[in-house]
C-alpha atoms as a PDB file:
ATOM      1  CA  MET A   1     169.425 -79.098 126.864  1.00  0.00           C
ATOM      2  CA  GLU A   2     166.195 -79.892 128.689  1.00  0.00           C
ATOM      3  CA  PRO A   3     163.940 -81.867 126.309  1.00  0.00           C
ATOM      4  CA  ARG A   4     160.339 -80.708 125.835  1.00  0.00           C
ATOM      5  CA  ILE A   5     157.425 -83.144 125.904  1.00  0.00           C
ATOM      6  CA  GLY A   6     156.220 -83.992 122.398  1.00  0.00           C
ATOM      7  CA  GLN A   7     159.279 -82.513 120.666  1.00  0.00           C
ATOM      8  CA  ARG A   8     161.293 -84.623 118.231  1.00  0.00           C
ATOM      9  CA  TYR A   9     165.066 -84.680 118.563  1.00  0.00           C
ATOM     10  CA  THR A  10     167.901 -85.910 116.405  1.00  0.00           C
ATOM     11  CA  ILE A  11     169.883 -88.364 118.554  1.00  0.00           C
ATOM     12  CA  ARG A  12     173.440 -89.490 117.856  1.00  0.00           C
ATOM     13  CA  LEU A  13     174.167 -93.014 119.100  1.00  0.00           C
ATOM     14  CA  CYS A  14     177.686 -94.040 120.156  1.00  0.00           C
ATOM     15  CA  SER A  15     178.012 -95.835 116.804  1.00  0.00           C
ATOM     16  CA  GLY A  16     177.549 -92.502 115.018  1.00  0.00           C
ATOM     17  CA  GLU A  17     174.082 -93.456 113.760  1.00  0.00           C
ATOM     18  CA  LEU A  18     171.491 -90.663 113.832  1.00  0.00           C
ATOM     19  CA  ARG A  19     167.970 -91.465 115.023  1.00  0.00           C
ATOM     20  CA  CYS A  20     164.834 -89.381 115.468  1.00  0.00           C
ATOM     21  CA  TRP A  21     163.261 -89.759 118.920  1.00  0.00           C
ATOM     22  CA  ARG A  22     160.256 -87.951 120.427  1.00  0.00           C
ATOM     23  CA  PHE A  23     160.430 -87.063 124.117  1.00  0.00           C
ATOM     24  CA  GLU A  24     157.383 -88.472 125.934  1.00  0.00           C
ATOM     25  CA  GLY A  25     158.103 -86.965 129.362  1.00  0.00           C
ATOM     26  CA  ALA A  26     159.327 -88.208 132.728  1.00  0.00           C
ATOM     27  CA  ASP A  27     157.690 -90.791 134.979  1.00  0.00           C
ATOM     28  CA  ALA A  28     157.262 -90.645 138.772  1.00  0.00           C
ATOM     29  CA  ARG A  29     160.903 -91.755 139.188  1.00  0.00           C
ATOM     30  CA  GLU A  30     161.977 -88.831 136.971  1.00  0.00           C
ATOM     31  CA  LEU A  31     163.217 -91.187 134.241  1.00  0.00           C
ATOM     32  CA  GLY A  32     162.798 -89.768 130.744  1.00  0.00           C
ATOM     33  CA  TRP A  33     160.707 -91.737 128.250  1.00  0.00           C
ATOM     34  CA  TRP A  34     161.325 -91.588 124.517  1.00  0.00           C
ATOM     35  CA  ARG A  35     159.672 -92.993 121.369  1.00  0.00           C
ATOM     36  CA  ASP A  36     161.702 -93.918 118.315  1.00  0.00           C
ATOM     37  CA  VAL A  37     159.884 -92.192 115.449  1.00  0.00           C
ATOM     38  CA  ASP A  38     160.853 -94.864 112.884  1.00  0.00           C
ATOM     39  CA  THR A  39     160.026 -97.981 114.891  1.00  0.00           C
ATOM     40  CA  GLY A  40     157.299 -96.616 117.193  1.00  0.00           C
ATOM     41  CA  LEU A  41     158.974 -98.308 120.181  1.00  0.00           C
ATOM     42  CA  SER A  42     158.935 -96.503 123.553  1.00  0.00           C
ATOM     43  CA  PHE A  43     161.682 -96.866 126.146  1.00  0.00           C
ATOM     44  CA  SER A  44     163.028 -95.189 129.258  1.00  0.00           C
ATOM     45  CA  GLU A  45     166.486 -93.710 129.597  1.00  0.00           C
ATOM     46  CA  ALA A  46     167.214 -96.395 132.223  1.00  0.00           C
ATOM     47  CA  SER A  47     166.658 -99.177 129.668  1.00  0.00           C
ATOM     48  CA  LEU A  48     169.158 -97.862 127.104  1.00  0.00           C
ATOM     49  CA  MET A  49     172.330 -99.932 126.885  1.00  0.00           C
ATOM     50  CA  TYR A  50     174.406 -97.574 124.773  1.00  0.00           C
ATOM     51  CA  ALA A  51     175.685 -94.019 124.911  1.00  0.00           C
ATOM     52  CA  TRP A  52     173.756 -91.311 123.074  1.00  0.00           C
ATOM     53  CA  GLN A  53     173.401 -87.560 122.936  1.00  0.00           C
ATOM     54  CA  ILE A  54     170.870 -85.032 121.714  1.00  0.00           C
ATOM     55  CA  GLU A  55     172.165 -83.317 118.567  1.00  0.00           C
ATOM     56  CA  GLY A  56     169.268 -80.873 118.291  1.00  0.00           C
ATOM     57  CA  GLU A  57     165.570 -80.521 117.611  1.00  0.00           C
ATOM     58  CA  ALA A  58     164.264 -82.328 114.554  1.00  0.00           C
ATOM     59  CA  GLY A  59     161.698 -80.981 112.128  1.00  0.00           C
ATOM     60  CA  ALA A  60     158.568 -82.859 111.086  1.00  0.00           C
ATOM     61  CA  ASP A  61     160.633 -84.757 108.501  1.00  0.00           C
ATOM     62  CA  GLY A  62     163.231 -85.768 111.116  1.00  0.00           C
ATOM     63  CA  ALA A  63     165.834 -83.278 109.864  1.00  0.00           C
ATOM     64  CA  THR A  64     167.890 -81.510 112.499  1.00  0.00           C
ATOM     65  CA  ALA A  65     167.003 -77.875 113.061  1.00  0.00           C
ATOM     66  CA  GLY A  66     169.608 -75.845 114.904  1.00  0.00           C
ATOM     67  CA  ALA A  67     171.752 -78.861 115.777  1.00  0.00           C
ATOM     68  CA  HIS A  68     174.532 -78.294 118.236  1.00  0.00           C
ATOM     69  CA  ARG A  69     177.599 -80.250 119.186  1.00  0.00           C
ATOM     70  CA  GLY A  70     178.175 -80.436 122.893  1.00  0.00           C
END
């Protein structure tokens, strides 16, 4: 799945925890930047120190819409 700028996604961390992140786009090095909807913190994919995967797009309330397992 190619994330879309401004879209919120339900993210499953390696611990099994689900988070809601908004995709902020890629920088000049083509690294994806994300914002955690709950904490407001932004980070690049290169700075993440744990495994994660996109479960699906999240609605305005953070609920997964059309989640997939892949």
